[in-house]
PDB file of N, CA and C in Angstrom:
ATOM      1  N   MET A   1     -19.884  35.585   9.581  1.00  0.00           N
ATOM      2  CA  MET A   1     -18.735  35.509  10.454  1.00  0.00           C
ATOM      3  C   MET A   1     -17.471  35.255   9.639  1.00  0.00           C
ATOM      4  N   GLN A   2     -17.615  34.436   8.608  1.00  0.00           N
ATOM      5  CA  GLN A   2     -16.480  34.098   7.755  1.00  0.00           C
ATOM      6  C   GLN A   2     -15.883  35.356   7.111  1.00  0.00           C
ATOM      7  N   ASN A   3     -16.729  36.214   6.567  1.00  0.00           N
ATOM      8  CA  ASN A   3     -16.233  37.436   5.933  1.00  0.00           C
ATOM      9  C   ASN A   3     -15.561  38.360   6.944  1.00  0.00           C
ATOM     10  N   LEU A   4     -16.106  38.447   8.126  1.00  0.00           N
ATOM     11  CA  LEU A   4     -15.516  39.283   9.163  1.00  0.00           C
ATOM     12  C   LEU A   4     -14.150  38.734   9.574  1.00  0.00           C
ATOM     13  N   ALA A   5     -14.062  37.430   9.743  1.00  0.00           N
ATOM     14  CA  ALA A   5     -12.794  36.796  10.106  1.00  0.00           C
ATOM     15  C   ALA A   5     -11.747  37.048   9.029  1.00  0.00           C
ATOM     16  N   ASP A   6     -12.124  36.875   7.768  1.00  0.00           N
ATOM     17  CA  ASP A   6     -11.195  37.118   6.666  1.00  0.00           C
ATOM     18  C   ASP A   6     -10.747  38.578   6.638  1.00  0.00           C
ATOM     19  N   SER A   7     -11.671  39.480   6.874  1.00  0.00           N
ATOM     20  CA  SER A   7     -11.335  40.904   6.882  1.00  0.00           C
ATOM     21  C   SER A   7     -10.340  41.234   7.975  1.00  0.00           C
ATOM     22  N   TYR A   8     -10.580  40.757   9.172  1.00  0.00           N
ATOM     23  CA  TYR A   8      -9.642  40.997  10.268  1.00  0.00           C
ATOM     24  C   TYR A   8      -8.260  40.422   9.944  1.00  0.00           C
ATOM     25  N   ARG A   9      -8.235  39.228   9.370  1.00  0.00           N
ATOM     26  CA  ARG A   9      -6.960  38.601   9.028  1.00  0.00           C
ATOM     27  C   ARG A   9      -6.203  39.429   8.002  1.00  0.00           C
ATOM     28  N   GLN A  10      -6.913  39.944   7.027  1.00  0.00           N
ATOM     29  CA  GLN A  10      -6.277  40.701   5.954  1.00  0.00           C
ATOM     30  C   GLN A  10      -5.732  42.051   6.417  1.00  0.00           C
ATOM     31  N   ILE A  11      -6.282  42.600   7.480  1.00  0.00           N
ATOM     32  CA  ILE A  11      -5.758  43.874   7.983  1.00  0.00           C
ATOM     33  C   ILE A  11      -4.912  43.677   9.245  1.00  0.00           C
ATOM     34  N   ASN A  12      -4.480  42.425   9.442  1.00  0.00           N
ATOM     35  CA  ASN A  12      -3.559  42.078  10.530  1.00  0.00           C
ATOM     36  C   ASN A  12      -4.104  42.323  11.933  1.00  0.00           C
ATOM     37  N   LYS A  13      -5.389  42.171  12.103  1.00  0.00           N
ATOM     38  CA  LYS A  13      -6.002  42.216  13.434  1.00  0.00           C
ATOM     39  C   LYS A  13      -6.253  40.763  13.848  1.00  0.00           C
ATOM     40  N   PHE A  14      -5.149  40.099  14.177  1.00  0.00           N
ATOM     41  CA  PHE A  14      -5.188  38.657  14.392  1.00  0.00           C
ATOM     42  C   PHE A  14      -5.958  38.215  15.629  1.00  0.00           C
ATOM     43  N   PRO A  15      -5.915  38.939  16.747  1.00  0.00           N
ATOM     44  CA  PRO A  15      -6.747  38.501  17.886  1.00  0.00           C
ATOM     45  C   PRO A  15      -8.246  38.513  17.551  1.00  0.00           C
ATOM     46  N   GLU A  16      -8.684  39.531  16.810  1.00  0.00           N
ATOM     47  CA  GLU A  16     -10.086  39.609  16.414  1.00  0.00           C
ATOM     48  C   GLU A  16     -10.419  38.503  15.409  1.00  0.00           C
ATOM     49  N   ALA A  17      -9.488  38.271  14.477  1.00  0.00           N
ATOM     50  CA  ALA A  17      -9.693  37.210  13.484  1.00  0.00           C
ATOM     51  C   ALA A  17      -9.811  35.857  14.168  1.00  0.00           C
ATOM     52  N   GLU A  18      -8.979  35.636  15.176  1.00  0.00           N
ATOM     53  CA  GLU A  18      -9.025  34.363  15.901  1.00  0.00           C
ATOM     54  C   GLU A  18     -10.398  34.131  16.517  1.00  0.00           C
ATOM     55  N   LYS A  19     -10.956  35.135  17.136  1.00  0.00           N
ATOM     56  CA  LYS A  19     -12.282  34.993  17.765  1.00  0.00           C
ATOM     57  C   LYS A  19     -13.343  34.650  16.722  1.00  0.00           C
ATOM     58  N   CYS A  20     -13.286  35.326  15.586  1.00  0.00           N
ATOM     59  CA  CYS A  20     -14.282  35.079  14.539  1.00  0.00           C
ATOM     60  C   CYS A  20     -14.114  33.694  13.914  1.00  0.00           C
ATOM     61  N   TYR A  21     -12.868  33.313  13.619  1.00  0.00           N
ATOM     62  CA  TYR A  21     -12.641  31.981  13.053  1.00  0.00           C
ATOM     63  C   TYR A  21     -13.037  30.890  14.044  1.00  0.00           C
ATOM     64  N   ALA A  22     -12.818  31.130  15.327  1.00  0.00           N
ATOM     65  CA  ALA A  22     -13.200  30.135  16.341  1.00  0.00           C
ATOM     66  C   ALA A  22     -14.699  29.847  16.262  1.00  0.00           C
ATOM     67  N   GLN A  23     -15.486  30.883  16.034  1.00  0.00           N
ATOM     68  CA  GLN A  23     -16.930  30.686  15.884  1.00  0.00           C
ATOM     69  C   GLN A  23     -17.249  30.025  14.544  1.00  0.00           C
ATOM     70  N   GLU A  24     -16.540  30.455  13.508  1.00  0.00           N
ATOM     71  CA  GLU A  24     -16.818  29.955  12.159  1.00  0.00           C
ATOM     72  C   GLU A  24     -16.542  28.460  12.036  1.00  0.00           C
ATOM     73  N   VAL A  25     -15.427  27.993  12.581  1.00  0.00           N
ATOM     74  CA  VAL A  25     -15.077  26.582  12.403  1.00  0.00           C
ATOM     75  C   VAL A  25     -16.026  25.654  13.150  1.00  0.00           C
ATOM     76  N   LYS A  26     -16.796  26.191  14.062  1.00  0.00           N
ATOM     77  CA  LYS A  26     -17.784  25.385  14.789  1.00  0.00           C
ATOM     78  C   LYS A  26     -19.112  25.299  14.050  1.00  0.00           C
ATOM     79  N   SER A  27     -19.309  26.127  13.036  1.00  0.00           N
ATOM     80  CA  SER A  27     -20.594  26.158  12.340  1.00  0.00           C
ATOM     81  C   SER A  27     -20.652  25.088  11.253  1.00  0.00           C
ATOM     82  N   ASN A  28     -21.845  24.766  10.843  1.00  0.00           N
ATOM     83  CA  ASN A  28     -22.064  23.784   9.776  1.00  0.00           C
ATOM     84  C   ASN A  28     -21.643  24.333   8.415  1.00  0.00           C
ATOM     85  N   LYS A  29     -21.524  25.653   8.297  1.00  0.00           N
ATOM     86  CA  LYS A  29     -21.166  26.279   7.027  1.00  0.00           C
ATOM     87  C   LYS A  29     -19.655  26.423   6.853  1.00  0.00           C
ATOM     88  N   SER A  30     -18.911  25.983   7.820  1.00  0.00           N
ATOM     89  CA  SER A  30     -17.461  26.112   7.787  1.00  0.00           C
ATOM     90  C   SER A  30     -16.861  25.332   6.628  1.00  0.00           C
ATOM     91  N   ARG A  31     -15.915  25.971   5.938  1.00  0.00           N
ATOM     92  CA  ARG A  31     -15.216  25.338   4.823  1.00  0.00           C
ATOM     93  C   ARG A  31     -13.830  24.884   5.296  1.00  0.00           C
ATOM     94  N   PRO A  32     -13.219  23.941   4.600  1.00  0.00           N
ATOM     95  CA  PRO A  32     -11.872  23.523   4.984  1.00  0.00           C
ATOM     96  C   PRO A  32     -10.879  24.684   5.046  1.00  0.00           C
ATOM     97  N   ILE A  33     -10.963  25.625   4.118  1.00  0.00           N
ATOM     98  CA  ILE A  33     -10.035  26.754   4.106  1.00  0.00           C
ATOM     99  C   ILE A  33     -10.184  27.604   5.370  1.00  0.00           C
ATOM    100  N   ASP A  34     -11.363  27.636   5.947  1.00  0.00           N
ATOM    101  CA  ASP A  34     -11.565  28.370   7.203  1.00  0.00           C
ATOM    102  C   ASP A  34     -10.750  27.735   8.324  1.00  0.00           C
ATOM    103  N   LYS A  35     -10.678  26.433   8.318  1.00  0.00           N
ATOM    104  CA  LYS A  35      -9.891  25.721   9.327  1.00  0.00           C
ATOM    105  C   LYS A  35      -8.401  26.015   9.137  1.00  0.00           C
ATOM    106  N   TYR A  36      -7.958  26.071   7.887  1.00  0.00           N
ATOM    107  CA  TYR A  36      -6.567  26.401   7.594  1.00  0.00           C
ATOM    108  C   TYR A  36      -6.240  27.828   8.046  1.00  0.00           C
ATOM    109  N   ARG A  37      -7.104  28.743   7.712  1.00  0.00           N
ATOM    110  CA  ARG A  37      -6.873  30.144   8.095  1.00  0.00           C
ATOM    111  C   ARG A  37      -6.927  30.328   9.610  1.00  0.00           C
ATOM    112  N   TYR A  38      -7.797  29.582  10.260  1.00  0.00           N
ATOM    113  CA  TYR A  38      -7.847  29.615  11.723  1.00  0.00           C
ATOM    114  C   TYR A  38      -6.511  29.143  12.291  1.00  0.00           C
ATOM    115  N   ALA A  39      -5.977  28.068  11.725  1.00  0.00           N
ATOM    116  CA  ALA A  39      -4.672  27.560  12.167  1.00  0.00           C
ATOM    117  C   ALA A  39      -3.584  28.610  11.959  1.00  0.00           C
ATOM    118  N   GLN A  40      -3.615  29.298  10.824  1.00  0.00           N
ATOM    119  CA  GLN A  40      -2.631  30.343  10.561  1.00  0.00           C
ATOM    120  C   GLN A  40      -2.701  31.451  11.610  1.00  0.00           C
ATOM    121  N   VAL A  41      -3.914  31.871  11.919  1.00  0.00           N
ATOM    122  CA  VAL A  41      -4.104  32.954  12.889  1.00  0.00           C
ATOM    123  C   VAL A  41      -3.660  32.506  14.279  1.00  0.00           C
ATOM    124  N   LEU A  42      -4.011  31.287  14.643  1.00  0.00           N
ATOM    125  CA  LEU A  42      -3.562  30.759  15.932  1.00  0.00           C
ATOM    126  C   LEU A  42      -2.037  30.748  16.010  1.00  0.00           C
ATOM    127  N   GLN A  43      -1.394  30.315  14.949  1.00  0.00           N
ATOM    128  CA  GLN A  43       0.064  30.278  14.927  1.00  0.00           C
ATOM    129  C   GLN A  43       0.638  31.689  15.054  1.00  0.00           C
ATOM    130  N   THR A  44       0.083  32.627  14.341  1.00  0.00           N
ATOM    131  CA  THR A  44       0.525  34.023  14.420  1.00  0.00           C
ATOM    132  C   THR A  44       0.362  34.563  15.828  1.00  0.00           C
ATOM    133  N   ASN A  45      -0.684  34.130  16.509  1.00  0.00           N
ATOM    134  CA  ASN A  45      -0.955  34.590  17.870  1.00  0.00           C
ATOM    135  C   ASN A  45      -0.170  33.803  18.923  1.00  0.00           C
ATOM    136  N   GLY A  46       0.744  32.938  18.471  1.00  0.00           N
ATOM    137  CA  GLY A  46       1.601  32.205  19.391  1.00  0.00           C
ATOM    138  C   GLY A  46       0.998  30.959  20.002  1.00  0.00           C
ATOM    139  N   LYS A  47      -0.102  30.491  19.446  1.00  0.00           N
ATOM    140  CA  LYS A  47      -0.793  29.310  19.969  1.00  0.00           C
ATOM    141  C   LYS A  47      -0.496  28.121  19.058  1.00  0.00           C
ATOM    142  N   CYS A  48       0.771  27.738  19.049  1.00  0.00           N
ATOM    143  CA  CYS A  48       1.262  26.757  18.076  1.00  0.00           C
ATOM    144  C   CYS A  48       0.678  25.355  18.262  1.00  0.00           C
ATOM    145  N   LEU A  49       0.493  24.921  19.484  1.00  0.00           N
ATOM    146  CA  LEU A  49      -0.088  23.587  19.703  1.00  0.00           C
ATOM    147  C   LEU A  49      -1.517  23.519  19.181  1.00  0.00           C
ATOM    148  N   GLU A  50      -2.288  24.540  19.457  1.00  0.00           N
ATOM    149  CA  GLU A  50      -3.669  24.589  18.966  1.00  0.00           C
ATOM    150  C   GLU A  50      -3.673  24.694  17.441  1.00  0.00           C
ATOM    151  N   ALA A  51      -2.757  25.481  16.893  1.00  0.00           N
ATOM    152  CA  ALA A  51      -2.647  25.630  15.439  1.00  0.00           C
ATOM    153  C   ALA A  51      -2.341  24.282  14.794  1.00  0.00           C
ATOM    154  N   SER A  52      -1.456  23.514  15.391  1.00  0.00           N
ATOM    155  CA  SER A  52      -1.090  22.208  14.858  1.00  0.00           C
ATOM    156  C   SER A  52      -2.305  21.295  14.742  1.00  0.00           C
ATOM    157  N   LYS A  53      -3.157  21.354  15.732  1.00  0.00           N
ATOM    158  CA  LYS A  53      -4.395  20.558  15.719  1.00  0.00           C
ATOM    159  C   LYS A  53      -5.255  20.921  14.504  1.00  0.00           C
ATOM    160  N   TRP A  54      -5.401  22.209  14.240  1.00  0.00           N
ATOM    161  CA  TRP A  54      -6.242  22.661  13.141  1.00  0.00           C
ATOM    162  C   TRP A  54      -5.592  22.423  11.786  1.00  0.00           C
ATOM    163  N   TYR A  55      -4.252  22.519  11.722  1.00  0.00           N
ATOM    164  CA  TYR A  55      -3.569  22.153  10.479  1.00  0.00           C
ATOM    165  C   TYR A  55      -3.824  20.684  10.159  1.00  0.00           C
ATOM    166  N   SER A  56      -3.808  19.832  11.173  1.00  0.00           N
ATOM    167  CA  SER A  56      -4.060  18.400  10.972  1.00  0.00           C
ATOM    168  C   SER A  56      -5.483  18.149  10.486  1.00  0.00           C
ATOM    169  N   ILE A  57      -6.425  18.851  11.072  1.00  0.00           N
ATOM    170  CA  ILE A  57      -7.828  18.719  10.641  1.00  0.00           C
ATOM    171  C   ILE A  57      -7.955  19.124   9.179  1.00  0.00           C
ATOM    172  N   TYR A  58      -7.329  20.244   8.827  1.00  0.00           N
ATOM    173  CA  TYR A  58      -7.375  20.709   7.443  1.00  0.00           C
ATOM    174  C   TYR A  58      -6.735  19.682   6.505  1.00  0.00           C
ATOM    175  N   ALA A  59      -5.582  19.153   6.893  1.00  0.00           N
ATOM    176  CA  ALA A  59      -4.869  18.187   6.062  1.00  0.00           C
ATOM    177  C   ALA A  59      -5.701  16.944   5.779  1.00  0.00           C
ATOM    178  N   LYS A  60      -6.487  16.517   6.746  1.00  0.00           N
ATOM    179  CA  LYS A  60      -7.361  15.360   6.547  1.00  0.00           C
ATOM    180  C   LYS A  60      -8.499  15.671   5.575  1.00  0.00           C
ATOM    181  N   LEU A  61      -8.966  16.915   5.595  1.00  0.00           N
ATOM    182  CA  LEU A  61     -10.066  17.316   4.726  1.00  0.00           C
ATOM    183  C   LEU A  61      -9.598  17.588   3.301  1.00  0.00           C
ATOM    184  N   GLU A  62      -8.394  18.114   3.169  1.00  0.00           N
ATOM    185  CA  GLU A  62      -7.859  18.504   1.850  1.00  0.00           C
ATOM    186  C   GLU A  62      -6.543  17.774   1.605  1.00  0.00           C
ATOM    187  N   GLN A  63      -6.623  16.499   1.362  1.00  0.00           N
ATOM    188  CA  GLN A  63      -5.428  15.671   1.248  1.00  0.00           C
ATOM    189  C   GLN A  63      -4.582  16.018   0.018  1.00  0.00           C
ATOM    190  N   SER A  64      -5.158  16.664  -0.967  1.00  0.00           N
ATOM    191  CA  SER A  64      -4.396  17.021  -2.167  1.00  0.00           C
ATOM    192  C   SER A  64      -3.571  18.300  -1.974  1.00  0.00           C
ATOM    193  N   ASP A  65      -3.847  19.048  -0.934  1.00  0.00           N
ATOM    194  CA  ASP A  65      -3.092  20.282  -0.652  1.00  0.00           C
ATOM    195  C   ASP A  65      -1.773  19.903   0.023  1.00  0.00           C
ATOM    196  N   LYS A  66      -0.668  20.253  -0.582  1.00  0.00           N
ATOM    197  CA  LYS A  66       0.651  19.835  -0.100  1.00  0.00           C
ATOM    198  C   LYS A  66       1.302  20.858   0.832  1.00  0.00           C
ATOM    199  N   ARG A  67       0.551  21.886   1.257  1.00  0.00           N
ATOM    200  CA  ARG A  67       1.148  22.878   2.167  1.00  0.00           C
ATOM    201  C   ARG A  67       1.557  22.216   3.412  1.00  0.00           C
TER     202      ARG A  67
END
């Protein structure tokens, strides 16, 4: 699912990427970067409040990342 989500994001198919990342971030194999990319896609899709939640989750997991 992660590879599919990344592929959709890279070719600017953000609604499809959002669906895939939504599944990915719920899995045990989810990486912190998946949460960040999910937040990016949500923001691109105009879901800023939801994106903010995921940016916060990512920030807690990767405290050294200053983005």
